[in-house]
Amino acid sequence: ARTGKIGDGKIFVMPVEQVVRIRTGETNE
């Protein structure tokens, strides 16, 4: 994503407590 010019953007990283796949009911990893 880097162009070296203003406005290239930002990246945010947040913790995720739980993930559920709706189709199969699988959870997390």
PDB file of all heavy atoms in Angstrom:
ATOM      1  N   ALA A   1       0.805  -1.228   0.000  1.00  0.00           N
ATOM      2  CA  ALA A   1       0.000   0.000   0.000  1.00  0.00           C
ATOM      3  C   ALA A   1       0.835   1.274   0.000  1.00  0.00           C
ATOM      4  O   ALA A   1       0.320   2.348  -0.303  1.00  0.00           O
ATOM      5  CB  ALA A   1      -0.938   0.008   1.210  1.00  0.00           C
ATOM      6  N   ARG A   2       2.108   1.180   0.311  1.00  0.00           N
ATOM      7  CA  ARG A   2       2.931   2.388   0.445  1.00  0.00           C
ATOM      8  C   ARG A   2       3.218   3.043  -0.901  1.00  0.00           C
ATOM      9  O   ARG A   2       3.656   2.390  -1.845  1.00  0.00           O
ATOM     10  CB  ARG A   2       4.251   2.045   1.131  1.00  0.00           C
ATOM     11  CG  ARG A   2       5.182   3.254   1.265  1.00  0.00           C
ATOM     12  CD  ARG A   2       6.470   2.916   1.960  1.00  0.00           C
ATOM     13  NE  ARG A   2       6.191   2.742   3.388  1.00  0.00           N
ATOM     14  CZ  ARG A   2       6.842   1.906   4.169  1.00  0.00           C
ATOM     15  NH1 ARG A   2       7.778   1.127   3.662  1.00  0.00           N
ATOM     16  NH2 ARG A   2       6.550   1.814   5.441  1.00  0.00           N
ATOM     17  N   THR A   3       2.956   4.353  -0.979  1.00  0.00           N
ATOM     18  CA  THR A   3       3.359   5.151  -2.138  1.00  0.00           C
ATOM     19  C   THR A   3       4.431   6.155  -1.745  1.00  0.00           C
ATOM     20  O   THR A   3       5.091   6.718  -2.599  1.00  0.00           O
ATOM     21  CB  THR A   3       2.171   5.931  -2.744  1.00  0.00           C
ATOM     22  OG1 THR A   3       1.728   6.917  -1.809  1.00  0.00           O
ATOM     23  CG2 THR A   3       1.036   5.013  -3.133  1.00  0.00           C
ATOM     24  N   GLY A   4       4.551   6.401  -0.433  1.00  0.00           N
ATOM     25  CA  GLY A   4       5.511   7.383   0.044  1.00  0.00           C
ATOM     26  C   GLY A   4       4.931   8.780   0.112  1.00  0.00           C
ATOM     27  O   GLY A   4       5.621   9.726   0.481  1.00  0.00           O
ATOM     28  N   LYS A   5       3.655   8.917  -0.228  1.00  0.00           N
ATOM     29  CA  LYS A   5       2.999  10.225  -0.211  1.00  0.00           C
ATOM     30  C   LYS A   5       1.987  10.278   0.914  1.00  0.00           C
ATOM     31  O   LYS A   5       1.534   9.247   1.410  1.00  0.00           O
ATOM     32  CB  LYS A   5       2.315  10.488  -1.552  1.00  0.00           C
ATOM     33  CG  LYS A   5       3.291  10.527  -2.702  1.00  0.00           C
ATOM     34  CD  LYS A   5       2.615  10.920  -3.981  1.00  0.00           C
ATOM     35  CE  LYS A   5       3.663  11.040  -5.066  1.00  0.00           C
ATOM     36  NZ  LYS A   5       3.393  10.243  -6.214  1.00  0.00           N
ATOM     37  N   ILE A   6       1.615  11.478   1.293  1.00  0.00           N
ATOM     38  CA  ILE A   6       0.630  11.659   2.346  1.00  0.00           C
ATOM     39  C   ILE A   6      -0.676  10.971   1.946  1.00  0.00           C
ATOM     40  O   ILE A   6      -1.042  10.954   0.772  1.00  0.00           O
ATOM     41  CB  ILE A   6       0.423  13.162   2.648  1.00  0.00           C
ATOM     42  CG1 ILE A   6      -0.317  13.346   3.957  1.00  0.00           C
ATOM     43  CG2 ILE A   6      -0.255  13.879   1.510  1.00  0.00           C
ATOM     44  CD1 ILE A   6      -0.267  14.752   4.494  1.00  0.00           C
ATOM     45  N   GLY A   7      -1.350  10.373   2.920  1.00  0.00           N
ATOM     46  CA  GLY A   7      -2.619   9.711   2.637  1.00  0.00           C
ATOM     47  C   GLY A   7      -2.509   8.230   2.324  1.00  0.00           C
ATOM     48  O   GLY A   7      -3.477   7.626   1.872  1.00  0.00           O
ATOM     49  N   ASP A   8      -1.344   7.627   2.557  1.00  0.00           N
ATOM     50  CA  ASP A   8      -1.183   6.190   2.298  1.00  0.00           C
ATOM     51  C   ASP A   8      -2.082   5.341   3.181  1.00  0.00           C
ATOM     52  O   ASP A   8      -2.444   4.237   2.812  1.00  0.00           O
ATOM     53  CB  ASP A   8       0.267   5.763   2.493  1.00  0.00           C
ATOM     54  CG  ASP A   8       1.113   5.978   1.248  1.00  0.00           C
ATOM     55  OD1 ASP A   8       0.548   6.301   0.194  1.00  0.00           O
ATOM     56  OD2 ASP A   8       2.336   5.809   1.340  1.00  0.00           O
ATOM     57  N   GLY A   9      -2.452   5.840   4.354  1.00  0.00           N
ATOM     58  CA  GLY A   9      -3.402   5.119   5.191  1.00  0.00           C
ATOM     59  C   GLY A   9      -2.858   4.710   6.537  1.00  0.00           C
ATOM     60  O   GLY A   9      -1.772   5.123   6.946  1.00  0.00           O
ATOM     61  N   LYS A  10      -3.633   3.870   7.214  1.00  0.00           N
ATOM     62  CA  LYS A  10      -3.281   3.400   8.551  1.00  0.00           C
ATOM     63  C   LYS A  10      -3.712   1.955   8.704  1.00  0.00           C
ATOM     64  O   LYS A  10      -4.598   1.480   8.008  1.00  0.00           O
ATOM     65  CB  LYS A  10      -3.995   4.229   9.614  1.00  0.00           C
ATOM     66  CG  LYS A  10      -3.498   5.657   9.723  1.00  0.00           C
ATOM     67  CD  LYS A  10      -3.658   6.164  11.121  1.00  0.00           C
ATOM     68  CE  LYS A  10      -2.986   7.479  11.385  1.00  0.00           C
ATOM     69  NZ  LYS A  10      -3.055   8.484  10.412  1.00  0.00           N
ATOM     70  N   ILE A  11      -3.094   1.276   9.682  1.00  0.00           N
ATOM     71  CA  ILE A  11      -3.455  -0.095  10.022  1.00  0.00           C
ATOM     72  C   ILE A  11      -3.767  -0.135  11.516  1.00  0.00           C
ATOM     73  O   ILE A  11      -3.016   0.404  12.325  1.00  0.00           O
ATOM     74  CB  ILE A  11      -2.314  -1.073   9.694  1.00  0.00           C
ATOM     75  CG1 ILE A  11      -2.016  -1.063   8.197  1.00  0.00           C
ATOM     76  CG2 ILE A  11      -2.654  -2.481  10.179  1.00  0.00           C
ATOM     77  CD1 ILE A  11      -0.787  -1.856   7.798  1.00  0.00           C
ATOM     78  N   PHE A  12      -4.891  -0.767  11.847  1.00  0.00           N
ATOM     79  CA  PHE A  12      -5.301  -0.923  13.236  1.00  0.00           C
ATOM     80  C   PHE A  12      -5.378  -2.417  13.543  1.00  0.00           C
ATOM     81  O   PHE A  12      -5.903  -3.180  12.736  1.00  0.00           O
ATOM     82  CB  PHE A  12      -6.677  -0.290  13.485  1.00  0.00           C
ATOM     83  CG  PHE A  12      -6.746   1.159  13.061  1.00  0.00           C
ATOM     84  CD1 PHE A  12      -7.239   1.504  11.811  1.00  0.00           C
ATOM     85  CD2 PHE A  12      -6.315   2.158  13.915  1.00  0.00           C
ATOM     86  CE1 PHE A  12      -7.305   2.829  11.417  1.00  0.00           C
ATOM     87  CE2 PHE A  12      -6.372   3.490  13.521  1.00  0.00           C
ATOM     88  CZ  PHE A  12      -6.871   3.828  12.273  1.00  0.00           C
ATOM     89  N   VAL A  13      -4.897  -2.826  14.708  1.00  0.00           N
ATOM     90  CA  VAL A  13      -4.933  -4.228  15.112  1.00  0.00           C
ATOM     91  C   VAL A  13      -5.687  -4.319  16.442  1.00  0.00           C
ATOM     92  O   VAL A  13      -5.359  -3.603  17.386  1.00  0.00           O
ATOM     93  CB  VAL A  13      -3.513  -4.814  15.268  1.00  0.00           C
ATOM     94  CG1 VAL A  13      -3.574  -6.274  15.688  1.00  0.00           C
ATOM     95  CG2 VAL A  13      -2.729  -4.652  13.976  1.00  0.00           C
ATOM     96  N   MET A  14      -6.709  -5.201  16.471  1.00  0.00           N
ATOM     97  CA  MET A  14      -7.550  -5.350  17.659  1.00  0.00           C
ATOM     98  C   MET A  14      -7.686  -6.819  18.027  1.00  0.00           C
ATOM     99  O   MET A  14      -7.686  -7.673  17.146  1.00  0.00           O
ATOM    100  CB  MET A  14      -8.943  -4.787  17.381  1.00  0.00           C
ATOM    101  CG  MET A  14      -8.942  -3.298  17.081  1.00  0.00           C
ATOM    102  SD  MET A  14     -10.334  -2.822  16.068  1.00  0.00           S
ATOM    103  CE  MET A  14      -9.670  -3.112  14.457  1.00  0.00           C
ATOM    104  N   PRO A  15      -7.852  -7.105  19.307  1.00  0.00           N
ATOM    105  CA  PRO A  15      -8.075  -8.500  19.703  1.00  0.00           C
ATOM    106  C   PRO A  15      -9.469  -8.972  19.291  1.00  0.00           C
ATOM    107  O   PRO A  15     -10.410  -8.184  19.240  1.00  0.00           O
ATOM    108  CB  PRO A  15      -7.941  -8.469  21.222  1.00  0.00           C
ATOM    109  CG  PRO A  15      -8.172  -7.054  21.614  1.00  0.00           C
ATOM    110  CD  PRO A  15      -7.780  -6.204  20.445  1.00  0.00           C
ATOM    111  N   VAL A  16      -9.580 -10.268  18.982  1.00  0.00           N
ATOM    112  CA  VAL A  16     -10.866 -10.886  18.653  1.00  0.00           C
ATOM    113  C   VAL A  16     -11.107 -11.987  19.683  1.00  0.00           C
ATOM    114  O   VAL A  16     -10.268 -12.870  19.863  1.00  0.00           O
ATOM    115  CB  VAL A  16     -10.854 -11.477  17.221  1.00  0.00           C
ATOM    116  CG1 VAL A  16     -12.119 -12.265  16.938  1.00  0.00           C
ATOM    117  CG2 VAL A  16     -10.671 -10.371  16.200  1.00  0.00           C
ATOM    118  N   GLU A  17     -12.232 -11.920  20.353  1.00  0.00           N
ATOM    119  CA  GLU A  17     -12.526 -12.898  21.402  1.00  0.00           C
ATOM    120  C   GLU A  17     -13.050 -14.215  20.859  1.00  0.00           C
ATOM    121  O   GLU A  17     -12.714 -15.272  21.359  1.00  0.00           O
ATOM    122  CB  GLU A  17     -13.542 -12.310  22.381  1.00  0.00           C
ATOM    123  CG  GLU A  17     -12.969 -11.199  23.220  1.00  0.00           C
ATOM    124  CD  GLU A  17     -13.960 -10.707  24.255  1.00  0.00           C
ATOM    125  OE1 GLU A  17     -14.839 -11.482  24.659  1.00  0.00           O
ATOM    126  OE2 GLU A  17     -13.838  -9.539  24.649  1.00  0.00           O
ATOM    127  N   GLN A  18     -13.904 -14.144  19.826  1.00  0.00           N
ATOM    128  CA  GLN A  18     -14.527 -15.368  19.340  1.00  0.00           C
ATOM    129  C   GLN A  18     -14.921 -15.209  17.878  1.00  0.00           C
ATOM    130  O   GLN A  18     -15.315 -14.134  17.443  1.00  0.00           O
ATOM    131  CB  GLN A  18     -15.767 -15.675  20.175  1.00  0.00           C
ATOM    132  CG  GLN A  18     -16.425 -16.985  19.840  1.00  0.00           C
ATOM    133  CD  GLN A  18     -17.598 -17.275  20.769  1.00  0.00           C
ATOM    134  OE1 GLN A  18     -18.047 -16.417  21.511  1.00  0.00           O
ATOM    135  NE2 GLN A  18     -18.089 -18.498  20.722  1.00  0.00           N
ATOM    136  N   VAL A  19     -14.814 -16.306  17.126  1.00  0.00           N
ATOM    137  CA  VAL A  19     -15.258 -16.360  15.735  1.00  0.00           C
ATOM    138  C   VAL A  19     -16.127 -17.598  15.586  1.00  0.00           C
ATOM    139  O   VAL A  19     -15.790 -18.666  16.100  1.00  0.00           O
ATOM    140  CB  VAL A  19     -14.064 -16.448  14.764  1.00  0.00           C
ATOM    141  CG1 VAL A  19     -14.539 -16.585  13.331  1.00  0.00           C
ATOM    142  CG2 VAL A  19     -13.153 -15.244  14.910  1.00  0.00           C
ATOM    143  N   VAL A  20     -17.247 -17.464  14.891  1.00  0.00           N
ATOM    144  CA  VAL A  20     -18.127 -18.605  14.624  1.00  0.00           C
ATOM    145  C   VAL A  20     -18.448 -18.623  13.138  1.00  0.00           C
ATOM    146  O   VAL A  20     -18.894 -17.625  12.581  1.00  0.00           O
ATOM    147  CB  VAL A  20     -19.444 -18.520  15.439  1.00  0.00           C
ATOM    148  CG1 VAL A  20     -20.362 -19.682  15.096  1.00  0.00           C
ATOM    149  CG2 VAL A  20     -19.166 -18.462  16.927  1.00  0.00           C
ATOM    150  N   ARG A  21     -18.196 -19.754  12.498  1.00  0.00           N
ATOM    151  CA  ARG A  21     -18.594 -19.916  11.095  1.00  0.00           C
ATOM    152  C   ARG A  21     -20.062 -20.325  11.106  1.00  0.00           C
ATOM    153  O   ARG A  21     -20.429 -21.371  11.659  1.00  0.00           O
ATOM    154  CB  ARG A  21     -17.746 -20.978  10.406  1.00  0.00           C
ATOM    155  CG  ARG A  21     -18.054 -21.106   8.911  1.00  0.00           C
ATOM    156  CD  ARG A  21     -17.248 -22.216   8.269  1.00  0.00           C
ATOM    157  NE  ARG A  21     -15.840 -22.091   8.603  1.00  0.00           N
ATOM    158  CZ  ARG A  21     -14.900 -21.675   7.750  1.00  0.00           C
ATOM    159  NH1 ARG A  21     -15.220 -21.352   6.526  1.00  0.00           N
ATOM    160  NH2 ARG A  21     -13.637 -21.598   8.130  1.00  0.00           N
ATOM    161  N   ILE A  22     -20.916 -19.525  10.518  1.00  0.00           N
ATOM    162  CA  ILE A  22     -22.362 -19.741  10.572  1.00  0.00           C
ATOM    163  C   ILE A  22     -22.764 -21.064   9.934  1.00  0.00           C
ATOM    164  O   ILE A  22     -23.572 -21.814  10.487  1.00  0.00           O
ATOM    165  CB  ILE A  22     -23.106 -18.551   9.924  1.00  0.00           C
ATOM    166  CG1 ILE A  22     -22.864 -17.288  10.755  1.00  0.00           C
ATOM    167  CG2 ILE A  22     -24.596 -18.851   9.785  1.00  0.00           C
ATOM    168  CD1 ILE A  22     -23.369 -16.017  10.123  1.00  0.00           C
ATOM    169  N   ARG A  23     -22.199 -21.385   8.779  1.00  0.00           N
ATOM    170  CA  ARG A  23     -22.608 -22.587   8.047  1.00  0.00           C
ATOM    171  C   ARG A  23     -22.365 -23.873   8.822  1.00  0.00           C
ATOM    172  O   ARG A  23     -23.220 -24.754   8.873  1.00  0.00           O
ATOM    173  CB  ARG A  23     -21.869 -22.647   6.698  1.00  0.00           C
ATOM    174  CG  ARG A  23     -22.180 -23.879   5.862  1.00  0.00           C
ATOM    175  CD  ARG A  23     -21.480 -23.848   4.508  1.00  0.00           C
ATOM    176  NE  ARG A  23     -20.050 -23.644   4.600  1.00  0.00           N
ATOM    177  CZ  ARG A  23     -19.154 -24.629   4.744  1.00  0.00           C
ATOM    178  NH1 ARG A  23     -19.546 -25.874   4.814  1.00  0.00           N
ATOM    179  NH2 ARG A  23     -17.864 -24.358   4.788  1.00  0.00           N
ATOM    180  N   THR A  24     -21.185 -23.987   9.445  1.00  0.00           N
ATOM    181  CA  THR A  24     -20.818 -25.257  10.074  1.00  0.00           C
ATOM    182  C   THR A  24     -20.817 -25.224  11.606  1.00  0.00           C
ATOM    183  O   THR A  24     -20.763 -26.274  12.237  1.00  0.00           O
ATOM    184  CB  THR A  24     -19.392 -25.671   9.637  1.00  0.00           C
ATOM    185  OG1 THR A  24     -18.481 -24.672  10.094  1.00  0.00           O
ATOM    186  CG2 THR A  24     -19.312 -25.831   8.138  1.00  0.00           C
ATOM    187  N   GLY A  25     -20.844 -24.046  12.177  1.00  0.00           N
ATOM    188  CA  GLY A  25     -20.774 -23.924  13.618  1.00  0.00           C
ATOM    189  C   GLY A  25     -19.361 -24.011  14.178  1.00  0.00           C
ATOM    190  O   GLY A  25     -19.161 -23.981  15.376  1.00  0.00           O
ATOM    191  N   GLU A  26     -18.353 -24.113  13.289  1.00  0.00           N
ATOM    192  CA  GLU A  26     -16.964 -24.125  13.739  1.00  0.00           C
ATOM    193  C   GLU A  26     -16.667 -22.831  14.496  1.00  0.00           C
ATOM    194  O   GLU A  26     -17.240 -21.790  14.195  1.00  0.00           O
ATOM    195  CB  GLU A  26     -16.006 -24.212  12.535  1.00  0.00           C
ATOM    196  CG  GLU A  26     -16.049 -25.547  11.814  1.00  0.00           C
ATOM    197  CD  GLU A  26     -15.240 -25.453  10.522  1.00  0.00           C
ATOM    198  OE1 GLU A  26     -15.751 -24.857   9.559  1.00  0.00           O
ATOM    199  OE2 GLU A  26     -14.124 -26.001  10.511  1.00  0.00           O
ATOM    200  N   THR A  27     -15.768 -22.929  15.463  1.00  0.00           N
ATOM    201  CA  THR A  27     -15.448 -21.741  16.253  1.00  0.00           C
ATOM    202  C   THR A  27     -13.954 -21.446  16.244  1.00  0.00           C
ATOM    203  O   THR A  27     -13.122 -22.329  16.008  1.00  0.00           O
ATOM    204  CB  THR A  27     -15.915 -21.911  17.721  1.00  0.00           C
ATOM    205  OG1 THR A  27     -15.265 -23.053  18.277  1.00  0.00           O
ATOM    206  CG2 THR A  27     -17.425 -22.088  17.810  1.00  0.00           C
ATOM    207  N   ASN A  28     -13.652 -20.219  16.521  1.00  0.00           N
ATOM    208  CA  ASN A  28     -12.304 -19.679  16.692  1.00  0.00           C
ATOM    209  C   ASN A  28     -11.354 -20.010  15.564  1.00  0.00           C
ATOM    210  O   ASN A  28     -11.686 -19.765  14.412  1.00  0.00           O
ATOM    211  CB  ASN A  28     -11.777 -20.088  18.072  1.00  0.00           C
ATOM    212  CG  ASN A  28     -12.655 -19.520  19.161  1.00  0.00           C
ATOM    213  OD1 ASN A  28     -13.187 -18.429  19.024  1.00  0.00           O
ATOM    214  ND2 ASN A  28     -12.845 -20.257  20.232  1.00  0.00           N
ATOM    215  N   GLU A  29     -10.170 -20.572  15.833  1.00  0.00           N
ATOM    216  CA  GLU A  29      -9.136 -20.760  14.799  1.00  0.00           C
ATOM    217  C   GLU A  29      -9.655 -21.555  13.605  1.00  0.00           C
ATOM    218  O   GLU A  29      -9.332 -21.259  12.468  1.00  0.00           O
ATOM    219  CB  GLU A  29      -7.914 -21.471  15.374  1.00  0.00           C
ATOM    220  CG  GLU A  29      -7.235 -20.746  16.530  1.00  0.00           C
ATOM    221  CD  GLU A  29      -6.417 -19.559  16.085  1.00  0.00           C
ATOM    222  OE1 GLU A  29      -5.911 -19.560  14.952  1.00  0.00           O
ATOM    223  OE2 GLU A  29      -6.278 -18.619  16.888  1.00  0.00           O
TER     224      GLU A  29
END
